[in-house]
Amino acid sequence: MAILIYWKHENYRSDIASGLRFNFNSKQNRLHTKTEIGEDVFVVSGIRRDSGLEIYLVAHLVISGKSLNSGNNKYGKYKILADRKRSKYFSIEGEALTPMLSNLTSIRHFGDRIDRYAQAFQTLRKLNNHDSELIKAFADFLTPLEK
């Protein structure tokens, strides 16, 4: 199984600018309770284009560990750590995931209301094997960022 989760575009850009950290933080305890070591995490982000909001796959992380952030981390208490050898970040200049959303069977569909997808993905979503394989195949055609 796999999960899909949303990352604010500003946070993606900040992480890219400061060096790839290969982790993801969240206020949702489900990040720990509904995930397993070795599980795939597909991270998406939205960007407003002239044509409207587009959803992009920005990372494929493979969970190697879980930890808790100390204090009042603004991104949340829960952290997953990713296996650096098996995980990838992708350029946001590649092909958008948006057209493929209608092919996913384990998520609710909103037609052409892309903003609703972005909103729904802010809550961690479990993906079935079919959807996980579709997204992995899609990721094979994206340009990975250098580690």
N, C-alpha and C. Protein backbone atom coordinates (compact mmCIF):
# COMPACT_ATOMS: atom_id res chain seq x y z
N MET A 1 0.85 -1.19 0.00
CA MET A 1 0.00 0.00 0.00
C MET A 1 0.89 1.25 0.00
N ALA A 2 0.22 2.35 -0.23
CA ALA A 2 0.92 3.63 -0.31
C ALA A 2 -0.01 4.71 0.21
N ILE A 3 0.55 5.88 0.43
CA ILE A 3 -0.26 7.04 0.79
C ILE A 3 0.03 8.18 -0.17
N LEU A 4 -0.91 9.08 -0.24
CA LEU A 4 -0.76 10.30 -1.02
C LEU A 4 -1.04 11.45 -0.06
N ILE A 5 -0.19 12.46 -0.11
CA ILE A 5 -0.35 13.59 0.79
C ILE A 5 0.08 14.87 0.08
N TYR A 6 -0.50 15.98 0.50
CA TYR A 6 -0.27 17.28 -0.13
C TYR A 6 0.81 18.06 0.60
N TRP A 7 1.62 18.74 -0.17
CA TRP A 7 2.68 19.59 0.37
C TRP A 7 2.47 20.98 -0.21
N LYS A 8 2.37 21.99 0.64
CA LYS A 8 2.22 23.36 0.15
C LYS A 8 3.40 23.68 -0.77
N HIS A 9 3.10 24.34 -1.87
CA HIS A 9 4.14 24.64 -2.84
C HIS A 9 5.29 25.45 -2.23
N GLU A 10 4.97 26.38 -1.34
CA GLU A 10 6.01 27.19 -0.70
C GLU A 10 6.96 26.30 0.11
N ASN A 11 6.42 25.28 0.77
CA ASN A 11 7.26 24.38 1.57
C ASN A 11 8.13 23.52 0.67
N TYR A 12 7.58 23.07 -0.46
CA TYR A 12 8.37 22.31 -1.43
C TYR A 12 9.54 23.16 -1.91
N ARG A 13 9.26 24.39 -2.31
CA ARG A 13 10.32 25.28 -2.82
C ARG A 13 11.38 25.56 -1.76
N SER A 14 10.95 25.74 -0.52
CA SER A 14 11.87 25.98 0.58
C SER A 14 12.78 24.78 0.80
N ASP A 15 12.21 23.59 0.76
CA ASP A 15 13.00 22.37 0.95
C ASP A 15 14.01 22.20 -0.19
N ILE A 16 13.59 22.48 -1.39
CA ILE A 16 14.49 22.37 -2.54
C ILE A 16 15.64 23.37 -2.41
N ALA A 17 15.32 24.60 -2.00
CA ALA A 17 16.33 25.65 -1.88
C ALA A 17 17.35 25.35 -0.78
N SER A 18 16.90 24.71 0.30
CA SER A 18 17.80 24.46 1.43
C SER A 18 18.46 23.09 1.38
N GLY A 19 18.19 22.33 0.35
CA GLY A 19 18.75 20.98 0.23
C GLY A 19 17.70 19.95 0.55
N LEU A 20 17.70 18.89 -0.19
CA LEU A 20 16.68 17.86 -0.03
C LEU A 20 16.85 17.18 1.33
N ARG A 21 15.80 17.22 2.13
CA ARG A 21 15.87 16.69 3.49
C ARG A 21 15.36 15.26 3.61
N PHE A 22 14.61 14.81 2.65
CA PHE A 22 14.07 13.46 2.64
C PHE A 22 13.30 13.13 3.92
N ASN A 23 12.40 14.06 4.27
CA ASN A 23 11.46 13.81 5.36
C ASN A 23 10.20 14.59 5.08
N PHE A 24 9.17 14.27 5.83
CA PHE A 24 7.89 14.97 5.70
C PHE A 24 7.30 15.11 7.08
N ASN A 25 6.86 16.33 7.41
CA ASN A 25 6.28 16.64 8.70
C ASN A 25 4.79 16.90 8.56
N SER A 26 4.04 16.56 9.60
CA SER A 26 2.60 16.78 9.56
C SER A 26 2.05 16.93 10.97
N LYS A 27 0.93 17.62 11.05
CA LYS A 27 0.19 17.72 12.31
C LYS A 27 -0.73 16.51 12.49
N GLN A 28 -0.89 15.71 11.45
CA GLN A 28 -1.77 14.54 11.48
C GLN A 28 -1.07 13.34 12.11
N ASN A 29 -1.62 12.82 13.20
CA ASN A 29 -1.02 11.64 13.81
C ASN A 29 -1.13 10.43 12.90
N ARG A 30 -2.01 10.49 11.91
CA ARG A 30 -2.15 9.41 10.93
C ARG A 30 -0.85 9.16 10.16
N LEU A 31 0.01 10.18 10.12
CA LEU A 31 1.30 10.00 9.45
C LEU A 31 2.08 8.88 10.12
N HIS A 32 1.85 8.67 11.40
CA HIS A 32 2.50 7.57 12.12
C HIS A 32 1.59 6.36 12.28
N THR A 33 0.32 6.58 12.55
CA THR A 33 -0.57 5.45 12.86
C THR A 33 -1.05 4.71 11.62
N LYS A 34 -1.07 5.35 10.46
CA LYS A 34 -1.60 4.72 9.24
C LYS A 34 -0.53 4.42 8.20
N THR A 35 0.73 4.48 8.61
CA THR A 35 1.81 4.18 7.67
C THR A 35 2.74 3.14 8.27
N GLU A 36 3.49 2.49 7.39
CA GLU A 36 4.44 1.44 7.80
C GLU A 36 5.81 1.74 7.21
N ILE A 37 6.85 1.28 7.88
CA ILE A 37 8.21 1.37 7.35
C ILE A 37 8.23 0.62 6.01
N GLY A 38 8.86 1.22 5.02
CA GLY A 38 8.94 0.61 3.68
C GLY A 38 7.81 1.02 2.76
N GLU A 39 6.81 1.72 3.29
CA GLU A 39 5.65 2.12 2.50
C GLU A 39 6.00 3.33 1.61
N ASP A 40 5.35 3.39 0.46
CA ASP A 40 5.52 4.51 -0.47
C ASP A 40 4.66 5.69 -0.03
N VAL A 41 5.25 6.87 -0.15
CA VAL A 41 4.54 8.12 0.11
C VAL A 41 4.67 8.98 -1.15
N PHE A 42 3.55 9.27 -1.78
CA PHE A 42 3.55 10.13 -2.95
C PHE A 42 3.13 11.52 -2.49
N VAL A 43 4.01 12.47 -2.71
CA VAL A 43 3.78 13.84 -2.24
C VAL A 43 3.41 14.69 -3.45
N VAL A 44 2.27 15.36 -3.36
CA VAL A 44 1.81 16.22 -4.46
C VAL A 44 1.73 17.66 -3.98
N SER A 45 1.78 18.56 -4.95
CA SER A 45 1.67 19.98 -4.66
C SER A 45 0.91 20.65 -5.80
N GLY A 46 0.29 21.75 -5.51
CA GLY A 46 -0.48 22.46 -6.52
C GLY A 46 0.14 23.80 -6.86
N ILE A 47 0.05 24.15 -8.13
CA ILE A 47 0.54 25.45 -8.61
C ILE A 47 -0.53 26.07 -9.49
N ARG A 48 -0.77 27.34 -9.28
CA ARG A 48 -1.70 28.08 -10.15
C ARG A 48 -0.97 28.45 -11.43
N ARG A 49 -1.53 28.04 -12.53
CA ARG A 49 -1.01 28.37 -13.87
C ARG A 49 -2.07 29.21 -14.57
N ASP A 50 -1.76 29.73 -15.74
CA ASP A 50 -2.75 30.49 -16.51
C ASP A 50 -3.98 29.63 -16.81
N SER A 51 -3.75 28.33 -16.96
CA SER A 51 -4.85 27.41 -17.27
C SER A 51 -5.64 26.99 -16.04
N GLY A 52 -5.17 27.38 -14.85
CA GLY A 52 -5.84 27.01 -13.60
C GLY A 52 -4.88 26.25 -12.70
N LEU A 53 -5.40 25.68 -11.63
CA LEU A 53 -4.58 24.93 -10.69
C LEU A 53 -4.15 23.61 -11.32
N GLU A 54 -2.88 23.29 -11.18
CA GLU A 54 -2.34 22.01 -11.65
C GLU A 54 -1.73 21.29 -10.45
N ILE A 55 -1.93 19.98 -10.39
CA ILE A 55 -1.37 19.15 -9.33
C ILE A 55 -0.16 18.41 -9.90
N TYR A 56 0.95 18.47 -9.16
CA TYR A 56 2.20 17.84 -9.58
C TYR A 56 2.67 16.82 -8.55
N LEU A 57 3.27 15.76 -9.01
CA LEU A 57 3.96 14.83 -8.12
C LEU A 57 5.33 15.43 -7.86
N VAL A 58 5.62 15.78 -6.61
CA VAL A 58 6.89 16.45 -6.30
C VAL A 58 7.87 15.53 -5.58
N ALA A 59 7.38 14.42 -5.04
CA ALA A 59 8.29 13.48 -4.39
C ALA A 59 7.66 12.10 -4.30
N HIS A 60 8.51 11.11 -4.37
CA HIS A 60 8.15 9.72 -4.06
C HIS A 60 9.11 9.32 -2.96
N LEU A 61 8.60 9.24 -1.74
CA LEU A 61 9.41 8.90 -0.58
C LEU A 61 9.09 7.47 -0.16
N VAL A 62 10.09 6.78 0.32
CA VAL A 62 9.91 5.44 0.87
C VAL A 62 10.28 5.54 2.35
N ILE A 63 9.32 5.25 3.21
CA ILE A 63 9.50 5.47 4.65
C ILE A 63 10.58 4.54 5.21
N SER A 64 11.58 5.16 5.87
CA SER A 64 12.64 4.39 6.53
C SER A 64 12.58 4.54 8.05
N GLY A 65 11.81 5.50 8.53
CA GLY A 65 11.70 5.71 9.97
C GLY A 65 10.65 6.74 10.30
N LYS A 66 10.33 6.82 11.57
CA LYS A 66 9.36 7.80 12.07
C LYS A 66 9.94 8.43 13.32
N SER A 67 9.67 9.71 13.51
CA SER A 67 10.12 10.39 14.72
C SER A 67 9.14 11.49 15.06
N LEU A 68 9.34 12.06 16.23
CA LEU A 68 8.52 13.19 16.67
C LEU A 68 9.38 14.43 16.70
N ASN A 69 8.82 15.53 16.23
CA ASN A 69 9.51 16.81 16.30
C ASN A 69 9.35 17.36 17.71
N SER A 70 10.36 18.04 18.19
CA SER A 70 10.29 18.63 19.53
C SER A 70 9.62 19.99 19.47
N GLY A 71 9.07 20.39 20.59
CA GLY A 71 8.47 21.72 20.69
C GLY A 71 7.28 21.90 19.78
N ASN A 72 7.08 23.13 19.41
CA ASN A 72 5.94 23.48 18.55
C ASN A 72 6.40 23.68 17.11
N ASN A 73 6.83 22.62 16.48
CA ASN A 73 7.26 22.68 15.09
C ASN A 73 6.08 23.17 14.24
N LYS A 74 6.30 24.21 13.45
CA LYS A 74 5.18 24.79 12.69
C LYS A 74 4.61 23.84 11.65
N TYR A 75 5.37 22.80 11.29
CA TYR A 75 4.87 21.84 10.30
C TYR A 75 4.23 20.62 10.95
N GLY A 76 4.30 20.54 12.27
CA GLY A 76 3.64 19.45 12.96
C GLY A 76 4.57 18.60 13.79
N LYS A 77 3.97 17.82 14.64
CA LYS A 77 4.67 16.97 15.59
C LYS A 77 5.23 15.70 14.95
N TYR A 78 4.57 15.21 13.91
CA TYR A 78 4.89 13.91 13.34
C TYR A 78 5.80 14.03 12.12
N LYS A 79 6.80 13.17 12.08
CA LYS A 79 7.77 13.20 10.98
C LYS A 79 8.01 11.79 10.48
N ILE A 80 8.05 11.66 9.16
CA ILE A 80 8.53 10.41 8.57
C ILE A 80 9.88 10.71 7.91
N LEU A 81 10.76 9.76 7.99
CA LEU A 81 12.08 9.87 7.38
C LEU A 81 12.08 8.96 6.16
N ALA A 82 12.71 9.41 5.10
CA ALA A 82 12.70 8.65 3.85
C ALA A 82 14.07 8.04 3.57
N ASP A 83 14.04 6.87 2.96
CA ASP A 83 15.24 6.18 2.50
C ASP A 83 15.82 6.98 1.34
N ARG A 84 16.98 7.56 1.52
CA ARG A 84 17.59 8.44 0.50
C ARG A 84 17.92 7.69 -0.79
N LYS A 85 18.20 6.42 -0.70
CA LYS A 85 18.56 5.65 -1.90
C LYS A 85 17.35 5.29 -2.74
N ARG A 86 16.21 5.14 -2.10
CA ARG A 86 15.01 4.69 -2.81
C ARG A 86 14.01 5.81 -3.07
N SER A 87 14.25 6.98 -2.53
CA SER A 87 13.31 8.10 -2.65
C SER A 87 13.80 9.12 -3.67
N LYS A 88 12.85 9.86 -4.23
CA LYS A 88 13.18 10.87 -5.25
C LYS A 88 12.31 12.10 -5.07
N TYR A 89 12.90 13.23 -5.39
CA TYR A 89 12.16 14.47 -5.55
C TYR A 89 12.10 14.73 -7.05
N PHE A 90 11.04 15.43 -7.49
CA PHE A 90 10.88 15.70 -8.91
C PHE A 90 10.78 17.18 -9.18
N SER A 91 11.22 17.55 -10.37
CA SER A 91 11.08 18.93 -10.83
C SER A 91 9.60 19.25 -11.04
N ILE A 92 9.21 20.40 -10.61
CA ILE A 92 7.81 20.82 -10.76
C ILE A 92 7.55 21.30 -12.20
N GLU A 93 8.58 21.34 -12.99
CA GLU A 93 8.43 21.79 -14.37
C GLU A 93 8.06 20.63 -15.30
N GLY A 94 7.92 19.46 -14.76
CA GLY A 94 7.56 18.30 -15.57
C GLY A 94 6.07 18.24 -15.85
N GLU A 95 5.63 17.09 -16.26
CA GLU A 95 4.22 16.88 -16.59
C GLU A 95 3.37 16.87 -15.32
N ALA A 96 2.23 17.52 -15.38
CA ALA A 96 1.32 17.56 -14.24
C ALA A 96 0.63 16.22 -14.04
N LEU A 97 0.34 15.89 -12.80
CA LEU A 97 -0.40 14.69 -12.44
C LEU A 97 -1.90 14.88 -12.66
N THR A 98 -2.32 16.11 -12.80
CA THR A 98 -3.74 16.46 -12.87
C THR A 98 -4.55 15.57 -13.81
N PRO A 99 -4.15 15.35 -15.07
CA PRO A 99 -4.98 14.52 -15.96
C PRO A 99 -5.15 13.08 -15.49
N MET A 100 -4.21 12.60 -14.69
CA MET A 100 -4.25 11.21 -14.25
C MET A 100 -5.16 11.00 -13.03
N LEU A 101 -5.54 12.07 -12.36
CA LEU A 101 -6.34 11.94 -11.14
C LEU A 101 -7.62 11.14 -11.36
N SER A 102 -8.23 11.30 -12.53
CA SER A 102 -9.48 10.59 -12.81
C SER A 102 -9.29 9.08 -12.96
N ASN A 103 -8.03 8.63 -13.12
CA ASN A 103 -7.74 7.20 -13.25
C ASN A 103 -7.53 6.51 -11.91
N LEU A 104 -7.42 7.28 -10.85
CA LEU A 104 -7.18 6.71 -9.53
C LEU A 104 -8.50 6.20 -8.96
N THR A 105 -8.48 4.99 -8.43
CA THR A 105 -9.71 4.37 -7.96
C THR A 105 -9.91 4.45 -6.44
N SER A 106 -8.88 4.86 -5.71
CA SER A 106 -9.00 4.86 -4.25
C SER A 106 -9.22 6.25 -3.66
N ILE A 107 -9.51 7.23 -4.51
CA ILE A 107 -9.78 8.58 -4.03
C ILE A 107 -11.13 9.05 -4.55
N ARG A 108 -11.69 10.02 -3.89
CA ARG A 108 -12.93 10.63 -4.35
C ARG A 108 -12.61 11.53 -5.54
N HIS A 109 -13.53 11.58 -6.50
CA HIS A 109 -13.31 12.39 -7.69
C HIS A 109 -14.16 13.66 -7.66
N PHE A 110 -13.58 14.73 -8.20
CA PHE A 110 -14.23 16.03 -8.19
C PHE A 110 -14.36 16.62 -9.59
N GLY A 111 -14.24 15.78 -10.61
CA GLY A 111 -14.36 16.26 -11.99
C GLY A 111 -13.26 17.26 -12.30
N ASP A 112 -13.65 18.40 -12.83
CA ASP A 112 -12.66 19.42 -13.19
C ASP A 112 -12.40 20.41 -12.05
N ARG A 113 -12.90 20.15 -10.87
CA ARG A 113 -12.67 21.01 -9.69
C ARG A 113 -11.34 20.65 -9.03
N ILE A 114 -10.26 21.03 -9.67
CA ILE A 114 -8.92 20.66 -9.22
C ILE A 114 -8.63 21.20 -7.83
N ASP A 115 -9.18 22.37 -7.50
CA ASP A 115 -8.98 22.93 -6.17
C ASP A 115 -9.52 21.99 -5.09
N ARG A 116 -10.57 21.25 -5.40
CA ARG A 116 -11.13 20.29 -4.43
C ARG A 116 -10.18 19.11 -4.21
N TYR A 117 -9.48 18.68 -5.27
CA TYR A 117 -8.49 17.62 -5.10
C TYR A 117 -7.40 18.10 -4.14
N ALA A 118 -6.87 19.29 -4.39
CA ALA A 118 -5.81 19.83 -3.55
C ALA A 118 -6.26 19.90 -2.10
N GLN A 119 -7.48 20.32 -1.89
CA GLN A 119 -8.03 20.41 -0.54
C GLN A 119 -8.17 19.01 0.08
N ALA A 120 -8.68 18.07 -0.67
CA ALA A 120 -8.87 16.70 -0.16
C ALA A 120 -7.54 16.02 0.16
N PHE A 121 -6.50 16.32 -0.61
CA PHE A 121 -5.21 15.67 -0.41
C PHE A 121 -4.47 16.19 0.82
N GLN A 122 -4.96 17.26 1.43
CA GLN A 122 -4.31 17.76 2.64
C GLN A 122 -4.48 16.80 3.80
N THR A 123 -5.45 15.91 3.68
CA THR A 123 -5.58 14.80 4.62
C THR A 123 -4.94 13.59 3.96
N LEU A 124 -4.10 12.92 4.70
CA LEU A 124 -3.42 11.73 4.19
C LEU A 124 -4.42 10.77 3.57
N ARG A 125 -4.14 10.31 2.36
CA ARG A 125 -5.02 9.38 1.64
C ARG A 125 -4.31 8.06 1.39
N LYS A 126 -4.94 6.98 1.77
CA LYS A 126 -4.41 5.65 1.48
C LYS A 126 -4.72 5.33 0.02
N LEU A 127 -3.76 4.74 -0.66
CA LEU A 127 -3.94 4.34 -2.05
C LEU A 127 -3.92 2.82 -2.14
N ASN A 128 -4.73 2.29 -3.02
CA ASN A 128 -4.69 0.84 -3.26
C ASN A 128 -3.50 0.52 -4.18
N ASN A 129 -3.25 -0.76 -4.37
CA ASN A 129 -2.09 -1.18 -5.18
C ASN A 129 -2.20 -0.69 -6.62
N HIS A 130 -3.39 -0.70 -7.19
CA HIS A 130 -3.61 -0.21 -8.56
C HIS A 130 -3.13 1.23 -8.69
N ASP A 131 -3.57 2.09 -7.77
CA ASP A 131 -3.20 3.51 -7.84
C ASP A 131 -1.72 3.72 -7.57
N SER A 132 -1.18 2.96 -6.64
CA SER A 132 0.25 3.06 -6.35
C SER A 132 1.08 2.72 -7.59
N GLU A 133 0.71 1.67 -8.28
CA GLU A 133 1.45 1.28 -9.49
C GLU A 133 1.30 2.31 -10.61
N LEU A 134 0.10 2.90 -10.75
CA LEU A 134 -0.11 3.96 -11.75
C LEU A 134 0.81 5.15 -11.48
N ILE A 135 0.88 5.56 -10.23
CA ILE A 135 1.70 6.73 -9.90
C ILE A 135 3.19 6.40 -10.04
N LYS A 136 3.59 5.21 -9.68
CA LYS A 136 5.00 4.82 -9.87
C LYS A 136 5.36 4.84 -11.35
N ALA A 137 4.47 4.34 -12.19
CA ALA A 137 4.73 4.34 -13.64
C ALA A 137 4.80 5.78 -14.16
N PHE A 138 3.92 6.64 -13.67
CA PHE A 138 3.94 8.05 -14.04
C PHE A 138 5.28 8.68 -13.63
N ALA A 139 5.75 8.37 -12.41
CA ALA A 139 6.99 8.94 -11.89
C ALA A 139 8.19 8.55 -12.72
N ASP A 140 8.14 7.39 -13.38
CA ASP A 140 9.26 6.95 -14.21
C ASP A 140 9.56 7.93 -15.35
N PHE A 141 8.59 8.74 -15.71
CA PHE A 141 8.75 9.68 -16.83
C PHE A 141 9.10 11.09 -16.35
N LEU A 142 9.18 11.29 -15.04
CA LEU A 142 9.49 12.62 -14.50
C LEU A 142 11.00 12.78 -14.32
N THR A 143 11.44 14.04 -14.30
CA THR A 143 12.84 14.36 -14.10
C THR A 143 13.14 14.44 -12.61
N PRO A 144 13.98 13.51 -12.11
CA PRO A 144 14.32 13.58 -10.68
C PRO A 144 15.31 14.71 -10.42
N LEU A 145 15.20 15.32 -9.25
CA LEU A 145 16.16 16.33 -8.83
C LEU A 145 17.39 15.63 -8.27
N GLU A 146 18.53 16.27 -8.40
CA GLU A 146 19.77 15.70 -7.89
C GLU A 146 19.76 15.67 -6.38
N LYS A 147 20.27 14.59 -5.81
CA LYS A 147 20.29 14.43 -4.34
C LYS A 147 21.37 15.23 -3.71
